[in-house]
């Protein structure tokens, strides 16, 4: 699977995903916090299906990993 996320994009997704996911355990403890898994997983994998649909690429080189 090709990469379509750059290093900064991936890092921000992981941090944001962890922050949102933490709300399931501390703070308001809302079930909506489980949506934090989406940016976390896309950041870890380096591929975003929404980016692919929209033709967005933040990765510096095609096929680079």
C-alpha atoms as a PDB file:
ATOM      1  CA  UNK A   1       0.000   0.000   0.000  1.00  0.00           C
ATOM      2  CA  UNK A   2       1.543   3.320  -1.027  1.00  0.00           C
ATOM      3  CA  UNK A   3       2.192   6.133   1.393  1.00  0.00           C
ATOM      4  CA  UNK A   4       0.148   9.312   0.952  1.00  0.00           C
ATOM      5  CA  UNK A   5       1.010  11.042   4.238  1.00  0.00           C
ATOM      6  CA  UNK A   6       4.200  12.937   5.010  1.00  0.00           C
ATOM      7  CA  UNK A   7       6.181  12.655   8.225  1.00  0.00           C
ATOM      8  CA  UNK A   8       4.723  15.796   9.825  1.00  0.00           C
ATOM      9  CA  UNK A   9       1.183  14.803   8.826  1.00  0.00           C
ATOM     10  CA  UNK A  10       1.658  11.336  10.315  1.00  0.00           C
ATOM     11  CA  UNK A  11       3.076  12.730  13.562  1.00  0.00           C
ATOM     12  CA  UNK A  12       0.218  15.182  13.978  1.00  0.00           C
ATOM     13  CA  UNK A  13      -2.328  12.426  13.322  1.00  0.00           C
ATOM     14  CA  UNK A  14      -0.777  10.136  15.938  1.00  0.00           C
ATOM     15  CA  UNK A  15      -0.659  12.899  18.566  1.00  0.00           C
ATOM     16  CA  UNK A  16      -4.215  14.051  17.792  1.00  0.00           C
ATOM     17  CA  UNK A  17      -5.496  10.472  17.768  1.00  0.00           C
ATOM     18  CA  UNK A  18      -3.959   9.734  21.151  1.00  0.00           C
ATOM     19  CA  UNK A  19      -5.328  12.985  22.593  1.00  0.00           C
ATOM     20  CA  UNK A  20      -8.851  12.273  21.336  1.00  0.00           C
ATOM     21  CA  UNK A  21      -8.686   8.619  22.386  1.00  0.00           C
ATOM     22  CA  UNK A  22      -7.591   9.613  25.896  1.00  0.00           C
ATOM     23  CA  UNK A  23     -11.002  11.258  26.349  1.00  0.00           C
ATOM     24  CA  UNK A  24     -12.508   7.753  26.500  1.00  0.00           C
ATOM     25  CA  UNK A  25     -10.605   7.147  29.742  1.00  0.00           C
ATOM     26  CA  UNK A  26     -10.239  10.593  31.369  1.00  0.00           C
ATOM     27  CA  UNK A  27     -12.225  13.770  31.126  1.00  0.00           C
ATOM     28  CA  UNK A  28     -15.793  13.494  29.818  1.00  0.00           C
ATOM     29  CA  UNK A  29     -15.396   9.736  29.079  1.00  0.00           C
ATOM     30  CA  UNK A  30     -17.586   9.926  26.010  1.00  0.00           C
ATOM     31  CA  UNK A  31     -17.910   7.070  23.516  1.00  0.00           C
ATOM     32  CA  UNK A  32     -17.226   9.574  20.717  1.00  0.00           C
ATOM     33  CA  UNK A  33     -13.596   9.525  21.828  1.00  0.00           C
ATOM     34  CA  UNK A  34     -13.160   6.141  20.131  1.00  0.00           C
ATOM     35  CA  UNK A  35     -13.126   8.046  16.833  1.00  0.00           C
ATOM     36  CA  UNK A  36      -9.579   8.946  17.858  1.00  0.00           C
ATOM     37  CA  UNK A  37      -8.610   5.523  16.525  1.00  0.00           C
ATOM     38  CA  UNK A  38      -9.097   6.791  12.963  1.00  0.00           C
ATOM     39  CA  UNK A  39      -6.317   9.427  12.938  1.00  0.00           C
ATOM     40  CA  UNK A  40      -4.154   7.214  15.147  1.00  0.00           C
ATOM     41  CA  UNK A  41      -4.318   4.238  12.784  1.00  0.00           C
ATOM     42  CA  UNK A  42      -3.977   6.288   9.601  1.00  0.00           C
ATOM     43  CA  UNK A  43      -0.958   8.032  11.115  1.00  0.00           C
ATOM     44  CA  UNK A  44       0.673   4.746  12.084  1.00  0.00           C
ATOM     45  CA  UNK A  45       0.026   3.129   8.697  1.00  0.00           C
ATOM     46  CA  UNK A  46       0.847   6.216   6.620  1.00  0.00           C
ATOM     47  CA  UNK A  47      -2.161   5.859   4.333  1.00  0.00           C
ATOM     48  CA  UNK A  48      -5.396   7.852   4.450  1.00  0.00           C
ATOM     49  CA  UNK A  49      -8.308   6.616   2.295  1.00  0.00           C
ATOM     50  CA  UNK A  50      -9.870  10.109   2.282  1.00  0.00           C
ATOM     51  CA  UNK A  51      -6.623  11.555   0.882  1.00  0.00           C
ATOM     52  CA  UNK A  52      -6.672   8.898  -1.840  1.00  0.00           C
ATOM     53  CA  UNK A  53     -10.255   9.790  -2.816  1.00  0.00           C
ATOM     54  CA  UNK A  54      -9.470  13.508  -2.913  1.00  0.00           C
ATOM     55  CA  UNK A  55      -6.106  13.096  -4.664  1.00  0.00           C
ATOM     56  CA  UNK A  56      -4.163  14.659  -1.783  1.00  0.00           C
ATOM     57  CA  UNK A  57      -0.584  13.572  -1.100  1.00  0.00           C
ATOM     58  CA  UNK A  58       1.679  14.998   1.615  1.00  0.00           C
ATOM     59  CA  UNK A  59       4.315  12.308   1.102  1.00  0.00           C
ATOM     60  CA  UNK A  60       7.414  13.799  -0.581  1.00  0.00           C
ATOM     61  CA  UNK A  61       7.832  11.150  -3.309  1.00  0.00           C
ATOM     62  CA  UNK A  62       5.311   8.786  -4.942  1.00  0.00           C
ATOM     63  CA  UNK A  63       5.585   5.326  -3.413  1.00  0.00           C
ATOM     64  CA  UNK A  64       8.109   6.516  -0.796  1.00  0.00           C
ATOM     65  CA  UNK A  65       7.832   4.998   2.628  1.00  0.00           C
END
